[in-house]
Amino acid sequence: MRTLTDADADWPWGTERTDSSPQRATDDLAGRLDVPAGALLQHEVVECLEPGGRSAMLVESWWRGRRRSHSSCVAELGVVSLPEGQAHALGLLVDSVAYRVVRTRLDPHGAPVETADLILPLDRWTIRL
């Protein structure tokens, strides 16, 4: 079991980018990033790997324009039923329940510059706040 204590910490082991295709902002993403619905966003999915190569979590990120630095972040914890692609990547069954940490990175003025969904399998993680 791993313990998540900082949703903004760098992953200390290997990662693999599995997608980097632009996407249009859904209503949810538009609200999270304070952009119009339908705005073109940069998008990437990164699989974070355990030292032995097993998938530990998925990080799906969105931002507008070029990636900018941030000075703080906010995070919200919930759960989600995994769709086929995420379940397969994590070695779980479709519709398995996983933690979903919504992390939004903020500039010095508190404006959002990037948002991400961290998907963590319940059987591999505890959350310490």
C-alpha atoms as a PDB file:
ATOM      1  CA  MET A   1       0.000   0.000   0.000  1.00  0.00           C
ATOM      2  CA  ARG A   2       1.124   3.522  -0.800  1.00  0.00           C
ATOM      3  CA  THR A   3      -0.050   6.632   1.032  1.00  0.00           C
ATOM      4  CA  LEU A   4      -0.909   9.839  -0.812  1.00  0.00           C
ATOM      5  CA  THR A   5      -0.088  12.854   1.347  1.00  0.00           C
ATOM      6  CA  ASP A   6       0.659  15.460  -1.353  1.00  0.00           C
ATOM      7  CA  ALA A   7      -1.402  15.471  -4.566  1.00  0.00           C
ATOM      8  CA  ASP A   8       1.158  17.805  -6.183  1.00  0.00           C
ATOM      9  CA  ALA A   9       4.334  15.833  -5.440  1.00  0.00           C
ATOM     10  CA  ASP A  10       6.517  14.544  -8.267  1.00  0.00           C
ATOM     11  CA  TRP A  11       6.343  10.785  -8.855  1.00  0.00           C
ATOM     12  CA  PRO A  12       9.712   9.322  -7.756  1.00  0.00           C
ATOM     13  CA  TRP A  13       9.762   6.317 -10.130  1.00  0.00           C
ATOM     14  CA  GLY A  14       9.081   5.662 -13.789  1.00  0.00           C
ATOM     15  CA  THR A  15       6.268   7.143 -15.828  1.00  0.00           C
ATOM     16  CA  GLU A  16       4.910   6.540 -19.291  1.00  0.00           C
ATOM     17  CA  ARG A  17       2.920   9.048 -21.326  1.00  0.00           C
ATOM     18  CA  THR A  18       0.086   7.122 -22.945  1.00  0.00           C
ATOM     19  CA  ASP A  19      -1.791   9.992 -24.632  1.00  0.00           C
ATOM     20  CA  SER A  20      -1.041  13.591 -25.565  1.00  0.00           C
ATOM     21  CA  SER A  21      -3.876  14.579 -27.882  1.00  0.00           C
ATOM     22  CA  PRO A  22      -5.639  17.974 -27.654  1.00  0.00           C
ATOM     23  CA  GLN A  23      -9.244  17.943 -26.425  1.00  0.00           C
ATOM     24  CA  ARG A  24     -12.155  20.358 -26.277  1.00  0.00           C
ATOM     25  CA  ALA A  25     -13.170  21.561 -22.806  1.00  0.00           C
ATOM     26  CA  THR A  26     -16.248  19.842 -21.442  1.00  0.00           C
ATOM     27  CA  ASP A  27     -18.490  21.859 -19.121  1.00  0.00           C
ATOM     28  CA  ASP A  28     -16.673  20.283 -16.145  1.00  0.00           C
ATOM     29  CA  LEU A  29     -13.189  21.113 -17.462  1.00  0.00           C
ATOM     30  CA  ALA A  30     -14.289  24.616 -18.494  1.00  0.00           C
ATOM     31  CA  GLY A  31     -15.402  25.265 -14.915  1.00  0.00           C
ATOM     32  CA  ARG A  32     -12.212  23.833 -13.442  1.00  0.00           C
ATOM     33  CA  LEU A  33      -9.962  25.919 -15.709  1.00  0.00           C
ATOM     34  CA  ASP A  34     -12.162  29.038 -16.028  1.00  0.00           C
ATOM     35  CA  VAL A  35     -12.276  28.781 -19.837  1.00  0.00           C
ATOM     36  CA  PRO A  36     -15.232  28.665 -22.236  1.00  0.00           C
ATOM     37  CA  ALA A  37     -16.813  25.260 -22.881  1.00  0.00           C
ATOM     38  CA  GLY A  38     -15.412  23.918 -26.134  1.00  0.00           C
ATOM     39  CA  ALA A  39     -12.052  25.727 -25.770  1.00  0.00           C
ATOM     40  CA  LEU A  40      -9.118  23.719 -27.113  1.00  0.00           C
ATOM     41  CA  LEU A  41      -7.037  22.258 -24.285  1.00  0.00           C
ATOM     42  CA  GLN A  42      -3.729  20.464 -24.181  1.00  0.00           C
ATOM     43  CA  HIS A  43      -4.186  17.018 -22.697  1.00  0.00           C
ATOM     44  CA  GLU A  44      -1.953  14.213 -21.505  1.00  0.00           C
ATOM     45  CA  VAL A  45      -2.335  10.921 -19.706  1.00  0.00           C
ATOM     46  CA  VAL A  46       0.629   9.646 -17.698  1.00  0.00           C
ATOM     47  CA  GLU A  47       0.847   6.220 -16.125  1.00  0.00           C
ATOM     48  CA  CYS A  48       2.925   6.245 -12.934  1.00  0.00           C
ATOM     49  CA  LEU A  49       4.760   2.960 -12.427  1.00  0.00           C
ATOM     50  CA  GLU A  50       5.885   1.174  -9.279  1.00  0.00           C
ATOM     51  CA  PRO A  51       9.583   0.190  -9.137  1.00  0.00           C
ATOM     52  CA  GLY A  52       8.620  -3.320 -10.319  1.00  0.00           C
ATOM     53  CA  GLY A  53       6.760  -1.915 -13.344  1.00  0.00           C
ATOM     54  CA  ARG A  54       3.164  -2.343 -12.097  1.00  0.00           C
ATOM     55  CA  SER A  55       0.857   0.594 -12.654  1.00  0.00           C
ATOM     56  CA  ALA A  56       0.397   2.634  -9.463  1.00  0.00           C
ATOM     57  CA  MET A  57      -1.881   5.419 -10.744  1.00  0.00           C
ATOM     58  CA  LEU A  58      -2.976   7.389 -13.769  1.00  0.00           C
ATOM     59  CA  VAL A  59      -2.678  11.164 -14.049  1.00  0.00           C
ATOM     60  CA  GLU A  60      -4.857  12.784 -16.721  1.00  0.00           C
ATOM     61  CA  SER A  61      -4.041  16.501 -17.107  1.00  0.00           C
ATOM     62  CA  TRP A  62      -5.509  19.425 -19.069  1.00  0.00           C
ATOM     63  CA  TRP A  63      -4.267  23.001 -19.596  1.00  0.00           C
ATOM     64  CA  ARG A  64      -4.767  25.819 -22.067  1.00  0.00           C
ATOM     65  CA  GLY A  65      -1.930  27.044 -24.315  1.00  0.00           C
ATOM     66  CA  ARG A  66       1.569  26.235 -23.163  1.00  0.00           C
ATOM     67  CA  ARG A  67       2.144  24.651 -19.786  1.00  0.00           C
ATOM     68  CA  ARG A  68       2.819  27.300 -17.125  1.00  0.00           C
ATOM     69  CA  SER A  69       4.366  27.100 -13.696  1.00  0.00           C
ATOM     70  CA  HIS A  70       2.152  27.225 -10.637  1.00  0.00           C
ATOM     71  CA  SER A  71       2.549  28.473  -7.094  1.00  0.00           C
ATOM     72  CA  SER A  72      -0.067  26.371  -5.278  1.00  0.00           C
ATOM     73  CA  CYS A  73      -2.722  23.758  -5.811  1.00  0.00           C
ATOM     74  CA  VAL A  74      -6.045  22.609  -4.432  1.00  0.00           C
ATOM     75  CA  ALA A  75      -7.258  19.015  -4.395  1.00  0.00           C
ATOM     76  CA  GLU A  76     -10.615  17.336  -3.927  1.00  0.00           C
ATOM     77  CA  LEU A  77     -11.017  13.634  -3.119  1.00  0.00           C
ATOM     78  CA  GLY A  78     -13.792  11.430  -4.431  1.00  0.00           C
ATOM     79  CA  VAL A  79     -14.339   8.047  -6.038  1.00  0.00           C
ATOM     80  CA  VAL A  80     -15.119   7.021  -9.608  1.00  0.00           C
ATOM     81  CA  SER A  81     -16.142   3.867 -11.480  1.00  0.00           C
ATOM     82  CA  LEU A  82     -13.399   3.092 -13.973  1.00  0.00           C
ATOM     83  CA  PRO A  83     -14.156   3.078 -17.692  1.00  0.00           C
ATOM     84  CA  GLU A  84     -12.562   0.383 -19.839  1.00  0.00           C
ATOM     85  CA  GLY A  85      -9.342   2.224 -20.744  1.00  0.00           C
ATOM     86  CA  GLN A  86      -8.455   3.251 -17.196  1.00  0.00           C
ATOM     87  CA  ALA A  87      -9.421  -0.134 -15.750  1.00  0.00           C
ATOM     88  CA  HIS A  88      -7.249  -1.922 -18.307  1.00  0.00           C
ATOM     89  CA  ALA A  89      -4.258   0.367 -17.665  1.00  0.00           C
ATOM     90  CA  LEU A  90      -4.498  -0.260 -13.916  1.00  0.00           C
ATOM     91  CA  GLY A  91      -5.104  -4.013 -14.241  1.00  0.00           C
ATOM     92  CA  LEU A  92      -8.605  -3.761 -12.770  1.00  0.00           C
ATOM     93  CA  LEU A  93     -12.097  -4.758 -13.858  1.00  0.00           C
ATOM     94  CA  VAL A  94     -14.306  -2.303 -15.741  1.00  0.00           C
ATOM     95  CA  ASP A  95     -16.509  -0.367 -13.285  1.00  0.00           C
ATOM     96  CA  SER A  96     -14.106  -1.033 -10.388  1.00  0.00           C
ATOM     97  CA  VAL A  97     -14.158   1.849  -7.922  1.00  0.00           C
ATOM     98  CA  ALA A  98     -10.995   3.939  -7.538  1.00  0.00           C
ATOM     99  CA  TYR A  99     -10.029   7.125  -5.741  1.00  0.00           C
ATOM    100  CA  ARG A 100     -10.216  10.230  -7.928  1.00  0.00           C
ATOM    101  CA  VAL A 101      -8.202  13.219  -6.759  1.00  0.00           C
ATOM    102  CA  VAL A 102      -9.074  16.366  -8.722  1.00  0.00           C
ATOM    103  CA  ARG A 103      -5.968  18.547  -8.527  1.00  0.00           C
ATOM    104  CA  THR A 104      -6.017  22.106  -9.814  1.00  0.00           C
ATOM    105  CA  ARG A 105      -2.784  24.062 -10.015  1.00  0.00           C
ATOM    106  CA  LEU A 106      -3.013  27.824  -9.462  1.00  0.00           C
ATOM    107  CA  ASP A 107      -0.888  30.810 -10.440  1.00  0.00           C
ATOM    108  CA  PRO A 108       0.218  33.383  -7.799  1.00  0.00           C
ATOM    109  CA  HIS A 109      -3.123  35.206  -8.205  1.00  0.00           C
ATOM    110  CA  GLY A 110      -5.211  32.070  -7.613  1.00  0.00           C
ATOM    111  CA  ALA A 111      -6.194  31.577 -11.260  1.00  0.00           C
ATOM    112  CA  PRO A 112      -6.195  27.958 -12.492  1.00  0.00           C
ATOM    113  CA  VAL A 113      -3.397  27.052 -14.918  1.00  0.00           C
ATOM    114  CA  GLU A 114      -3.824  23.260 -15.041  1.00  0.00           C
ATOM    115  CA  THR A 115      -6.182  20.608 -13.738  1.00  0.00           C
ATOM    116  CA  ALA A 116      -5.737  16.865 -13.429  1.00  0.00           C
ATOM    117  CA  ASP A 117      -7.521  13.711 -12.347  1.00  0.00           C
ATOM    118  CA  LEU A 118      -5.303  11.380 -10.330  1.00  0.00           C
ATOM    119  CA  ILE A 119      -6.806   7.887 -10.480  1.00  0.00           C
ATOM    120  CA  LEU A 120      -5.600   5.646  -7.641  1.00  0.00           C
ATOM    121  CA  PRO A 121      -6.718   2.010  -7.148  1.00  0.00           C
ATOM    122  CA  LEU A 122      -8.422   1.526  -3.761  1.00  0.00           C
ATOM    123  CA  ASP A 123      -6.491  -1.693  -3.147  1.00  0.00           C
ATOM    124  CA  ARG A 124      -3.096   0.046  -3.536  1.00  0.00           C
ATOM    125  CA  TRP A 125      -3.575   3.427  -1.849  1.00  0.00           C
ATOM    126  CA  THR A 126      -4.589   5.140   1.359  1.00  0.00           C
ATOM    127  CA  ILE A 127      -5.113   8.885   1.543  1.00  0.00           C
ATOM    128  CA  ARG A 128      -3.678  10.883   4.457  1.00  0.00           C
ATOM    129  CA  LEU A 129      -4.850  14.478   4.798  1.00  0.00           C
END
